[in-house]
Amino acid sequence: MSSQPHLHQHAAEIQEFGTVTQLPIALSHDARQYSCQRLNRVLADTQFLYALYKKCHWGMRGPTAYQLHLLFDKHAQEQLELVDALAERVQTLGGVAVGDPRHAALITGVPRPPDGVEDVHSMLSRLLDAHETVLADVRDAATRTAELGDDGTQDLLVSQIIRTGETQVWFLAEHLVVTPGTRA
């Protein structure tokens, strides 16, 4: 016996991405396979939505910088919690969750932002567009997974992903409302 760590180990994958192992959860292989594929797309989108929130959080400018800086950070943290819930659902179904950001970039539907800093209204609009992209896909995925009898995935998509996304959209959109100035 030695306390020396065995460094630089490499081995073949023990489960390929896109496959599912058989687990006794009373759900067909095809349903689990489909759910994992859809969940991984939502997972990639959610990872990129998280990153987009952080980009906006760091690049905030203007008179509402402090308030939006805090809001974007709160929304980013909520997205990060969804990332974990989605990845764990994929694993629960016997799949492999997309975990490498380079892999997630290949399957996300969220458009890439410019490398520089945008004005506040453009940031807000970009976040709203990203949310709409994600929500449209999640609504379809929730319907399809329910049809396949995967109530756990459907519940996650509706009760966590859609509800969180809709609430975040509401708060973002309110910052784009133009209100008349107050007159003395």
N, C-alpha and C. Protein backbone atom coordinates (compact mmCIF):
# COMPACT_ATOMS: atom_id res chain seq x y z
N MET A 1 0.84 -1.18 0.00
CA MET A 1 0.00 0.00 0.00
C MET A 1 0.88 1.24 0.00
N SER A 2 0.39 2.25 -0.69
CA SER A 2 1.12 3.51 -0.76
C SER A 2 0.12 4.65 -0.74
N SER A 3 0.53 5.73 -0.15
CA SER A 3 -0.34 6.91 -0.13
C SER A 3 -0.13 7.79 -1.36
N GLN A 4 0.75 7.35 -2.26
CA GLN A 4 1.02 8.10 -3.48
C GLN A 4 -0.19 8.03 -4.41
N PRO A 5 -0.75 9.18 -4.83
CA PRO A 5 -1.87 9.15 -5.78
C PRO A 5 -1.42 8.58 -7.13
N HIS A 6 -2.29 7.86 -7.77
CA HIS A 6 -2.05 7.35 -9.12
C HIS A 6 -2.49 8.41 -10.10
N LEU A 7 -1.57 9.20 -10.57
CA LEU A 7 -1.86 10.35 -11.41
C LEU A 7 -1.93 9.97 -12.89
N HIS A 8 -2.49 10.87 -13.67
CA HIS A 8 -2.52 10.79 -15.13
C HIS A 8 -3.19 9.52 -15.65
N GLN A 9 -4.27 9.13 -15.01
CA GLN A 9 -4.99 7.93 -15.44
C GLN A 9 -5.94 8.28 -16.58
N HIS A 10 -6.09 7.38 -17.50
CA HIS A 10 -7.01 7.53 -18.62
C HIS A 10 -7.64 6.17 -18.90
N ALA A 11 -8.88 6.18 -19.26
CA ALA A 11 -9.58 4.92 -19.59
C ALA A 11 -10.64 5.22 -20.63
N ALA A 12 -11.16 4.19 -21.20
CA ALA A 12 -12.25 4.34 -22.17
C ALA A 12 -13.51 4.81 -21.44
N GLU A 13 -14.38 5.46 -22.16
CA GLU A 13 -15.67 5.86 -21.59
C GLU A 13 -16.41 4.61 -21.12
N ILE A 14 -17.11 4.74 -20.01
CA ILE A 14 -17.90 3.59 -19.54
C ILE A 14 -19.36 3.70 -20.00
N GLN A 15 -19.75 4.88 -20.47
CA GLN A 15 -21.07 5.05 -21.10
C GLN A 15 -20.97 6.19 -22.10
N GLU A 16 -21.36 5.93 -23.32
CA GLU A 16 -21.30 6.94 -24.37
C GLU A 16 -22.45 7.93 -24.22
N PHE A 17 -22.18 9.18 -24.59
CA PHE A 17 -23.22 10.20 -24.63
C PHE A 17 -24.29 9.75 -25.63
N GLY A 18 -25.54 9.96 -25.28
CA GLY A 18 -26.64 9.59 -26.16
C GLY A 18 -27.19 8.20 -25.90
N THR A 19 -26.59 7.49 -24.96
CA THR A 19 -27.11 6.17 -24.60
C THR A 19 -27.78 6.24 -23.23
N VAL A 20 -28.62 5.25 -22.94
CA VAL A 20 -29.24 5.16 -21.62
C VAL A 20 -29.05 3.75 -21.08
N THR A 21 -28.79 3.66 -19.79
CA THR A 21 -28.70 2.37 -19.13
C THR A 21 -30.09 1.99 -18.63
N GLN A 22 -30.29 0.71 -18.45
CA GLN A 22 -31.59 0.23 -17.97
C GLN A 22 -31.68 0.43 -16.46
N LEU A 23 -32.67 1.15 -16.04
CA LEU A 23 -32.93 1.34 -14.62
C LEU A 23 -34.38 0.93 -14.35
N PRO A 24 -34.66 0.36 -13.18
CA PRO A 24 -36.01 -0.10 -12.88
C PRO A 24 -36.93 1.04 -12.43
N ILE A 25 -37.27 1.93 -13.38
CA ILE A 25 -38.13 3.07 -13.04
C ILE A 25 -39.46 3.03 -13.78
N ALA A 26 -39.81 1.89 -14.33
CA ALA A 26 -41.12 1.68 -14.99
C ALA A 26 -41.35 2.68 -16.12
N LEU A 27 -40.30 2.88 -16.91
CA LEU A 27 -40.38 3.76 -18.07
C LEU A 27 -39.60 3.10 -19.20
N SER A 28 -40.18 3.05 -20.38
CA SER A 28 -39.56 2.34 -21.48
C SER A 28 -38.21 2.95 -21.88
N HIS A 29 -37.40 2.11 -22.51
CA HIS A 29 -36.11 2.56 -23.02
C HIS A 29 -36.29 3.72 -23.98
N ASP A 30 -37.25 3.59 -24.91
CA ASP A 30 -37.46 4.64 -25.91
C ASP A 30 -37.88 5.96 -25.28
N ALA A 31 -38.75 5.89 -24.26
CA ALA A 31 -39.18 7.12 -23.57
C ALA A 31 -38.01 7.77 -22.86
N ARG A 32 -37.19 6.96 -22.20
CA ARG A 32 -36.02 7.50 -21.48
C ARG A 32 -35.00 8.07 -22.46
N GLN A 33 -34.82 7.38 -23.57
CA GLN A 33 -33.88 7.84 -24.60
C GLN A 33 -34.33 9.21 -25.13
N TYR A 34 -35.60 9.31 -25.47
CA TYR A 34 -36.13 10.57 -26.00
C TYR A 34 -36.03 11.69 -24.96
N SER A 35 -36.43 11.38 -23.73
CA SER A 35 -36.38 12.40 -22.67
C SER A 35 -34.96 12.89 -22.44
N CYS A 36 -34.00 11.98 -22.43
CA CYS A 36 -32.61 12.39 -22.23
C CYS A 36 -32.13 13.30 -23.35
N GLN A 37 -32.52 12.98 -24.57
CA GLN A 37 -32.11 13.81 -25.71
C GLN A 37 -32.70 15.22 -25.57
N ARG A 38 -33.98 15.31 -25.24
CA ARG A 38 -34.62 16.62 -25.09
C ARG A 38 -34.07 17.36 -23.87
N LEU A 39 -33.89 16.65 -22.78
CA LEU A 39 -33.36 17.28 -21.57
C LEU A 39 -31.95 17.82 -21.80
N ASN A 40 -31.13 17.11 -22.56
CA ASN A 40 -29.78 17.60 -22.83
C ASN A 40 -29.80 18.87 -23.66
N ARG A 41 -30.75 18.99 -24.56
CA ARG A 41 -30.88 20.24 -25.33
C ARG A 41 -31.26 21.38 -24.39
N VAL A 42 -32.23 21.13 -23.51
CA VAL A 42 -32.64 22.15 -22.54
C VAL A 42 -31.49 22.46 -21.58
N LEU A 43 -30.76 21.44 -21.20
CA LEU A 43 -29.60 21.63 -20.31
C LEU A 43 -28.56 22.52 -20.97
N ALA A 44 -28.25 22.27 -22.23
CA ALA A 44 -27.28 23.10 -22.95
C ALA A 44 -27.79 24.54 -23.04
N ASP A 45 -29.07 24.70 -23.38
CA ASP A 45 -29.66 26.04 -23.46
C ASP A 45 -29.59 26.75 -22.12
N THR A 46 -29.88 26.03 -21.05
CA THR A 46 -29.88 26.62 -19.71
C THR A 46 -28.47 27.00 -19.28
N GLN A 47 -27.47 26.19 -19.65
CA GLN A 47 -26.09 26.54 -19.36
C GLN A 47 -25.71 27.84 -20.07
N PHE A 48 -26.19 27.98 -21.30
CA PHE A 48 -25.86 29.19 -22.05
C PHE A 48 -26.66 30.39 -21.57
N LEU A 49 -27.88 30.17 -21.11
CA LEU A 49 -28.66 31.27 -20.53
C LEU A 49 -27.99 31.75 -19.25
N TYR A 50 -27.50 30.82 -18.44
CA TYR A 50 -26.73 31.18 -17.25
C TYR A 50 -25.53 32.05 -17.63
N ALA A 51 -24.77 31.60 -18.62
CA ALA A 51 -23.57 32.34 -19.04
C ALA A 51 -23.93 33.71 -19.60
N LEU A 52 -25.05 33.80 -20.32
CA LEU A 52 -25.49 35.08 -20.86
C LEU A 52 -25.86 36.04 -19.74
N TYR A 53 -26.52 35.54 -18.71
CA TYR A 53 -26.83 36.39 -17.55
C TYR A 53 -25.55 36.90 -16.90
N LYS A 54 -24.55 36.04 -16.75
CA LYS A 54 -23.30 36.48 -16.13
C LYS A 54 -22.59 37.51 -17.01
N LYS A 55 -22.61 37.31 -18.32
CA LYS A 55 -22.00 38.28 -19.24
C LYS A 55 -22.67 39.64 -19.07
N CYS A 56 -24.00 39.65 -19.04
CA CYS A 56 -24.73 40.91 -18.86
C CYS A 56 -24.47 41.50 -17.48
N HIS A 57 -24.40 40.67 -16.47
CA HIS A 57 -24.12 41.09 -15.09
C HIS A 57 -22.78 41.83 -15.02
N TRP A 58 -21.76 41.28 -15.68
CA TRP A 58 -20.43 41.89 -15.64
C TRP A 58 -20.34 43.13 -16.53
N GLY A 59 -21.14 43.19 -17.59
CA GLY A 59 -21.04 44.29 -18.55
C GLY A 59 -22.04 45.41 -18.34
N MET A 60 -22.70 45.42 -17.21
CA MET A 60 -23.77 46.40 -16.97
C MET A 60 -23.22 47.82 -16.94
N ARG A 61 -23.95 48.72 -17.62
CA ARG A 61 -23.60 50.14 -17.67
C ARG A 61 -24.86 50.98 -17.46
N GLY A 62 -24.69 52.23 -17.10
CA GLY A 62 -25.80 53.16 -17.07
C GLY A 62 -26.43 53.35 -15.69
N PRO A 63 -27.49 54.20 -15.65
CA PRO A 63 -28.09 54.58 -14.38
C PRO A 63 -28.78 53.44 -13.62
N THR A 64 -29.15 52.37 -14.30
CA THR A 64 -29.78 51.24 -13.61
C THR A 64 -28.79 50.09 -13.42
N ALA A 65 -27.51 50.39 -13.54
CA ALA A 65 -26.48 49.34 -13.47
C ALA A 65 -26.56 48.53 -12.18
N TYR A 66 -26.70 49.20 -11.06
CA TYR A 66 -26.70 48.49 -9.78
C TYR A 66 -27.89 47.54 -9.68
N GLN A 67 -29.08 48.05 -9.99
CA GLN A 67 -30.29 47.23 -9.87
C GLN A 67 -30.25 46.04 -10.83
N LEU A 68 -29.85 46.28 -12.08
CA LEU A 68 -29.80 45.19 -13.05
C LEU A 68 -28.64 44.24 -12.76
N HIS A 69 -27.55 44.77 -12.23
CA HIS A 69 -26.42 43.92 -11.83
C HIS A 69 -26.92 42.88 -10.82
N LEU A 70 -27.69 43.32 -9.84
CA LEU A 70 -28.23 42.40 -8.83
C LEU A 70 -29.27 41.46 -9.43
N LEU A 71 -30.15 41.98 -10.27
CA LEU A 71 -31.19 41.15 -10.89
C LEU A 71 -30.56 40.07 -11.76
N PHE A 72 -29.59 40.44 -12.58
CA PHE A 72 -28.95 39.47 -13.46
C PHE A 72 -28.24 38.39 -12.66
N ASP A 73 -27.63 38.77 -11.55
CA ASP A 73 -26.95 37.79 -10.72
C ASP A 73 -27.96 36.83 -10.08
N LYS A 74 -29.09 37.35 -9.63
CA LYS A 74 -30.16 36.51 -9.06
C LYS A 74 -30.68 35.53 -10.11
N HIS A 75 -30.96 36.02 -11.31
CA HIS A 75 -31.45 35.17 -12.38
C HIS A 75 -30.40 34.13 -12.78
N ALA A 76 -29.14 34.52 -12.80
CA ALA A 76 -28.07 33.58 -13.14
C ALA A 76 -28.03 32.44 -12.12
N GLN A 77 -28.15 32.78 -10.85
CA GLN A 77 -28.13 31.75 -9.80
C GLN A 77 -29.32 30.80 -9.96
N GLU A 78 -30.48 31.33 -10.30
CA GLU A 78 -31.65 30.49 -10.53
C GLU A 78 -31.44 29.56 -11.72
N GLN A 79 -30.81 30.06 -12.77
CA GLN A 79 -30.51 29.23 -13.94
C GLN A 79 -29.50 28.14 -13.58
N LEU A 80 -28.54 28.47 -12.74
CA LEU A 80 -27.54 27.49 -12.32
C LEU A 80 -28.20 26.35 -11.54
N GLU A 81 -29.18 26.68 -10.71
CA GLU A 81 -29.92 25.65 -9.99
C GLU A 81 -30.69 24.75 -10.95
N LEU A 82 -31.22 25.33 -12.03
CA LEU A 82 -31.93 24.55 -13.04
C LEU A 82 -30.97 23.62 -13.78
N VAL A 83 -29.76 24.09 -14.03
CA VAL A 83 -28.74 23.26 -14.68
C VAL A 83 -28.56 21.97 -13.90
N ASP A 84 -28.42 22.08 -12.60
CA ASP A 84 -28.21 20.91 -11.77
C ASP A 84 -29.43 19.98 -11.78
N ALA A 85 -30.62 20.55 -11.70
CA ALA A 85 -31.85 19.74 -11.71
C ALA A 85 -31.99 18.99 -13.04
N LEU A 86 -31.69 19.66 -14.14
CA LEU A 86 -31.78 19.02 -15.46
C LEU A 86 -30.76 17.89 -15.60
N ALA A 87 -29.52 18.16 -15.21
CA ALA A 87 -28.47 17.14 -15.31
C ALA A 87 -28.80 15.92 -14.46
N GLU A 88 -29.31 16.16 -13.27
CA GLU A 88 -29.66 15.05 -12.40
C GLU A 88 -30.83 14.25 -12.96
N ARG A 89 -31.76 14.90 -13.64
CA ARG A 89 -32.87 14.16 -14.26
C ARG A 89 -32.36 13.27 -15.38
N VAL A 90 -31.43 13.77 -16.19
CA VAL A 90 -30.84 12.95 -17.25
C VAL A 90 -30.19 11.72 -16.63
N GLN A 91 -29.44 11.90 -15.57
CA GLN A 91 -28.77 10.78 -14.91
C GLN A 91 -29.79 9.81 -14.32
N THR A 92 -30.87 10.34 -13.75
CA THR A 92 -31.92 9.50 -13.17
C THR A 92 -32.56 8.60 -14.22
N LEU A 93 -32.63 9.09 -15.44
CA LEU A 93 -33.21 8.30 -16.54
C LEU A 93 -32.22 7.31 -17.14
N GLY A 94 -30.98 7.33 -16.65
CA GLY A 94 -29.96 6.41 -17.16
C GLY A 94 -29.11 6.99 -18.26
N GLY A 95 -29.26 8.28 -18.51
CA GLY A 95 -28.50 8.93 -19.57
C GLY A 95 -27.22 9.56 -19.08
N VAL A 96 -26.60 10.30 -19.99
CA VAL A 96 -25.37 11.04 -19.70
C VAL A 96 -25.66 12.52 -19.95
N ALA A 97 -25.51 13.33 -18.93
CA ALA A 97 -25.79 14.76 -19.05
C ALA A 97 -24.65 15.47 -19.78
N VAL A 98 -25.01 16.41 -20.65
CA VAL A 98 -24.01 17.22 -21.34
C VAL A 98 -23.35 18.12 -20.28
N GLY A 99 -22.05 17.95 -20.11
CA GLY A 99 -21.37 18.68 -19.05
C GLY A 99 -20.22 19.55 -19.53
N ASP A 100 -19.75 19.32 -20.73
CA ASP A 100 -18.63 20.08 -21.28
C ASP A 100 -19.21 21.28 -22.04
N PRO A 101 -18.80 22.51 -21.70
CA PRO A 101 -19.36 23.68 -22.38
C PRO A 101 -19.14 23.67 -23.89
N ARG A 102 -18.05 23.05 -24.33
CA ARG A 102 -17.81 22.96 -25.78
C ARG A 102 -18.84 22.05 -26.44
N HIS A 103 -19.24 21.00 -25.76
CA HIS A 103 -20.28 20.11 -26.27
C HIS A 103 -21.63 20.82 -26.22
N ALA A 104 -21.91 21.49 -25.11
CA ALA A 104 -23.17 22.23 -24.98
C ALA A 104 -23.31 23.28 -26.08
N ALA A 105 -22.19 23.89 -26.47
CA ALA A 105 -22.22 24.91 -27.54
C ALA A 105 -22.67 24.33 -28.86
N LEU A 106 -22.43 23.04 -29.06
CA LEU A 106 -22.83 22.39 -30.31
C LEU A 106 -24.33 22.12 -30.38
N ILE A 107 -24.99 22.00 -29.23
CA ILE A 107 -26.40 21.61 -29.25
C ILE A 107 -27.35 22.69 -28.75
N THR A 108 -26.83 23.81 -28.28
CA THR A 108 -27.71 24.86 -27.79
C THR A 108 -28.41 25.58 -28.94
N GLY A 109 -29.60 26.07 -28.65
CA GLY A 109 -30.33 26.90 -29.61
C GLY A 109 -30.25 28.38 -29.27
N VAL A 110 -29.57 28.71 -28.17
CA VAL A 110 -29.44 30.10 -27.73
C VAL A 110 -28.36 30.77 -28.58
N PRO A 111 -28.73 31.84 -29.29
CA PRO A 111 -27.73 32.52 -30.14
C PRO A 111 -26.58 33.11 -29.33
N ARG A 112 -25.42 33.12 -29.93
CA ARG A 112 -24.23 33.67 -29.28
C ARG A 112 -24.30 35.19 -29.28
N PRO A 113 -23.99 35.81 -28.14
CA PRO A 113 -23.96 37.28 -28.09
C PRO A 113 -22.65 37.80 -28.67
N PRO A 114 -22.58 39.10 -28.93
CA PRO A 114 -21.29 39.66 -29.36
C PRO A 114 -20.27 39.56 -28.23
N ASP A 115 -19.01 39.61 -28.59
CA ASP A 115 -17.97 39.50 -27.57
C ASP A 115 -17.88 40.74 -26.69
N GLY A 116 -18.26 41.89 -27.22
CA GLY A 116 -18.18 43.14 -26.46
C GLY A 116 -19.40 43.37 -25.59
N VAL A 117 -19.51 44.59 -25.09
CA VAL A 117 -20.61 44.98 -24.21
C VAL A 117 -21.67 45.72 -25.03
N GLU A 118 -22.92 45.32 -24.86
CA GLU A 118 -24.05 45.97 -25.53
C GLU A 118 -24.67 47.00 -24.60
N ASP A 119 -25.52 47.86 -25.16
CA ASP A 119 -26.25 48.79 -24.30
C ASP A 119 -27.31 47.99 -23.53
N VAL A 120 -27.85 48.59 -22.48
CA VAL A 120 -28.76 47.91 -21.56
C VAL A 120 -29.99 47.35 -22.29
N HIS A 121 -30.60 48.15 -23.15
CA HIS A 121 -31.81 47.67 -23.83
C HIS A 121 -31.52 46.48 -24.75
N SER A 122 -30.37 46.48 -25.37
CA SER A 122 -29.99 45.34 -26.21
C SER A 122 -29.74 44.10 -25.36
N MET A 123 -29.10 44.28 -24.20
CA MET A 123 -28.88 43.15 -23.29
C MET A 123 -30.22 42.54 -22.86
N LEU A 124 -31.13 43.41 -22.45
CA LEU A 124 -32.44 42.94 -22.01
C LEU A 124 -33.16 42.22 -23.13
N SER A 125 -33.13 42.79 -24.32
CA SER A 125 -33.78 42.16 -25.47
C SER A 125 -33.14 40.82 -25.80
N ARG A 126 -31.83 40.75 -25.71
CA ARG A 126 -31.12 39.49 -25.99
C ARG A 126 -31.53 38.42 -24.98
N LEU A 127 -31.60 38.79 -23.72
CA LEU A 127 -32.02 37.85 -22.69
C LEU A 127 -33.47 37.39 -22.91
N LEU A 128 -34.34 38.33 -23.27
CA LEU A 128 -35.74 37.97 -23.55
C LEU A 128 -35.84 37.02 -24.74
N ASP A 129 -35.08 37.29 -25.79
CA ASP A 129 -35.08 36.41 -26.96
C ASP A 129 -34.57 35.01 -26.59
N ALA A 130 -33.53 34.96 -25.77
CA ALA A 130 -32.98 33.67 -25.34
C ALA A 130 -34.02 32.89 -24.54
N HIS A 131 -34.69 33.60 -23.63
CA HIS A 131 -35.74 32.94 -22.85
C HIS A 131 -36.85 32.40 -23.75
N GLU A 132 -37.24 33.18 -24.74
CA GLU A 132 -38.32 32.72 -25.63
C GLU A 132 -37.88 31.47 -26.40
N THR A 133 -36.65 31.45 -26.85
CA THR A 133 -36.11 30.27 -27.53
C THR A 133 -36.19 29.04 -26.62
N VAL A 134 -35.73 29.21 -25.39
CA VAL A 134 -35.73 28.10 -24.44
C VAL A 134 -37.16 27.68 -24.10
N LEU A 135 -38.01 28.64 -23.81
CA LEU A 135 -39.39 28.32 -23.41
C LEU A 135 -40.16 27.61 -24.53
N ALA A 136 -39.96 28.01 -25.76
CA ALA A 136 -40.65 27.35 -26.87
C ALA A 136 -40.22 25.88 -26.95
N ASP A 137 -38.94 25.62 -26.82
CA ASP A 137 -38.45 24.25 -26.88
C ASP A 137 -38.92 23.45 -25.67
N VAL A 138 -38.92 24.07 -24.49
CA VAL A 138 -39.32 23.37 -23.27
C VAL A 138 -40.81 23.03 -23.29
N ARG A 139 -41.63 23.93 -23.80
CA ARG A 139 -43.07 23.63 -23.89
C ARG A 139 -43.30 22.41 -24.78
N ASP A 140 -42.61 22.36 -25.92
CA ASP A 140 -42.74 21.22 -26.81
C ASP A 140 -42.24 19.95 -26.14
N ALA A 141 -41.10 20.04 -25.47
CA ALA A 141 -40.53 18.88 -24.78
C ALA A 141 -41.46 18.39 -23.67
N ALA A 142 -42.07 19.30 -22.95
CA ALA A 142 -43.00 18.91 -21.87
C ALA A 142 -44.19 18.16 -22.44
N THR A 143 -44.73 18.64 -23.54
CA THR A 143 -45.87 17.97 -24.18
C THR A 143 -45.47 16.57 -24.65
N ARG A 144 -44.34 16.47 -25.32
CA ARG A 144 -43.91 15.19 -25.89
C ARG A 144 -43.54 14.18 -24.80
N THR A 145 -42.85 14.62 -23.75
CA THR A 145 -42.47 13.67 -22.69
C THR A 145 -43.70 13.21 -21.92
N ALA A 146 -44.71 14.07 -21.77
CA ALA A 146 -45.95 13.65 -21.12
C ALA A 146 -46.65 12.58 -21.96
N GLU A 147 -46.65 12.76 -23.29
CA GLU A 147 -47.26 11.77 -24.18
C GLU A 147 -46.57 10.42 -24.07
N LEU A 148 -45.28 10.42 -23.75
CA LEU A 148 -44.52 9.17 -23.61
C LEU A 148 -44.63 8.58 -22.21
N GLY A 149 -45.36 9.25 -21.33
CA GLY A 149 -45.54 8.76 -19.97
C GLY A 149 -44.45 9.13 -19.00
N ASP A 150 -43.56 10.02 -19.38
CA ASP A 150 -42.47 10.45 -18.51
C ASP A 150 -42.93 11.65 -17.68
N ASP A 151 -43.71 11.34 -16.67
CA ASP A 151 -44.29 12.40 -15.83
C ASP A 151 -43.23 13.16 -15.05
N GLY A 152 -42.16 12.49 -14.64
CA GLY A 152 -41.10 13.16 -13.89
C GLY A 152 -40.43 14.25 -14.70
N THR A 153 -40.12 13.94 -15.97
CA THR A 153 -39.50 14.94 -16.83
C THR A 153 -40.47 16.05 -17.15
N GLN A 154 -41.70 15.70 -17.46
CA GLN A 154 -42.72 16.71 -17.76
C GLN A 154 -42.91 17.65 -16.57
N ASP A 155 -42.94 17.10 -15.36
CA ASP A 155 -43.10 17.92 -14.16
C ASP A 155 -41.92 18.87 -13.97
N LEU A 156 -40.71 18.37 -14.15
CA LEU A 156 -39.52 19.22 -14.04
C LEU A 156 -39.58 20.37 -15.05
N LEU A 157 -39.91 20.03 -16.28
CA LEU A 157 -39.95 21.05 -17.33
C LEU A 157 -40.98 22.12 -17.05
N VAL A 158 -42.16 21.71 -16.57
CA VAL A 158 -43.23 22.68 -16.32
C VAL A 158 -43.03 23.42 -15.01
N SER A 159 -42.85 22.66 -13.92
CA SER A 159 -42.84 23.29 -12.59
C SER A 159 -41.57 24.07 -12.29
N GLN A 160 -40.47 23.72 -12.93
CA GLN A 160 -39.23 24.44 -12.64
C GLN A 160 -38.75 25.28 -13.82
N ILE A 161 -38.60 24.68 -14.98
CA ILE A 161 -37.99 25.40 -16.10
C ILE A 161 -38.94 26.46 -16.64
N ILE A 162 -40.17 26.08 -16.96
CA ILE A 162 -41.11 27.05 -17.52
C ILE A 162 -41.47 28.12 -16.50
N ARG A 163 -41.79 27.73 -15.30
CA ARG A 163 -42.21 28.74 -14.30
C ARG A 163 -41.08 29.71 -13.96
N THR A 164 -39.87 29.21 -13.83
CA THR A 164 -38.74 30.11 -13.56
C THR A 164 -38.51 31.03 -14.75
N GLY A 165 -38.53 30.47 -15.95
CA GLY A 165 -38.32 31.28 -17.15
C GLY A 165 -39.36 32.36 -17.33
N GLU A 166 -40.62 32.01 -17.12
CA GLU A 166 -41.70 33.01 -17.27
C GLU A 166 -41.55 34.15 -16.27
N THR A 167 -41.20 33.81 -15.04
CA THR A 167 -41.02 34.86 -14.02
C THR A 167 -39.84 35.75 -14.37
N GLN A 168 -38.75 35.16 -14.84
CA GLN A 168 -37.60 35.96 -15.22
C GLN A 168 -37.92 36.87 -16.40
N VAL A 169 -38.68 36.35 -17.37
CA VAL A 169 -39.10 37.18 -18.51
C VAL A 169 -39.90 38.37 -18.03
N TRP A 170 -40.81 38.15 -17.12
CA TRP A 170 -41.64 39.24 -16.59
C TRP A 170 -40.75 40.36 -16.01
N PHE A 171 -39.79 39.99 -15.16
CA PHE A 171 -38.94 41.01 -14.54
C PHE A 171 -38.06 41.72 -15.56
N LEU A 172 -37.56 40.99 -16.54
CA LEU A 172 -36.74 41.62 -17.58
C LEU A 172 -37.57 42.57 -18.44
N ALA A 173 -38.74 42.12 -18.87
CA ALA A 173 -39.58 42.92 -19.77
C ALA A 173 -40.02 44.22 -19.11
N GLU A 174 -40.23 44.22 -17.82
CA GLU A 174 -40.64 45.44 -17.12
C GLU A 174 -39.59 46.54 -17.24
N HIS A 175 -38.34 46.17 -17.45
CA HIS A 175 -37.28 47.17 -17.61
C HIS A 175 -37.30 47.81 -18.99
N LEU A 176 -38.11 47.28 -19.89
CA LEU A 176 -38.22 47.86 -21.23
C LEU A 176 -39.51 48.66 -21.42
N VAL A 177 -40.29 48.78 -20.34
CA VAL A 177 -41.52 49.57 -20.40
C VAL A 177 -41.16 51.04 -20.33
N VAL A 178 -41.68 51.81 -21.26
CA VAL A 178 -41.45 53.25 -21.27
C VAL A 178 -42.63 53.90 -20.53
N THR A 179 -42.31 54.60 -19.45
CA THR A 179 -43.35 55.28 -18.68
C THR A 179 -43.18 56.77 -18.83
N PRO A 180 -44.29 57.49 -18.85
CA PRO A 180 -44.17 58.95 -18.98
C PRO A 180 -43.51 59.55 -17.75
N GLY A 181 -42.78 60.63 -17.99
CA GLY A 181 -42.10 61.31 -16.89
C GLY A 181 -43.12 61.98 -15.97
N THR A 182 -42.75 62.14 -14.74
CA THR A 182 -43.60 62.80 -13.76
C THR A 182 -43.41 64.30 -13.88
N ARG A 183 -44.51 65.03 -13.86
CA ARG A 183 -44.44 66.50 -13.94
C ARG A 183 -44.79 67.10 -12.59
N ALA A 184 -44.04 68.12 -12.25
CA ALA A 184 -44.28 68.78 -10.95
C ALA A 184 -45.38 69.81 -11.06
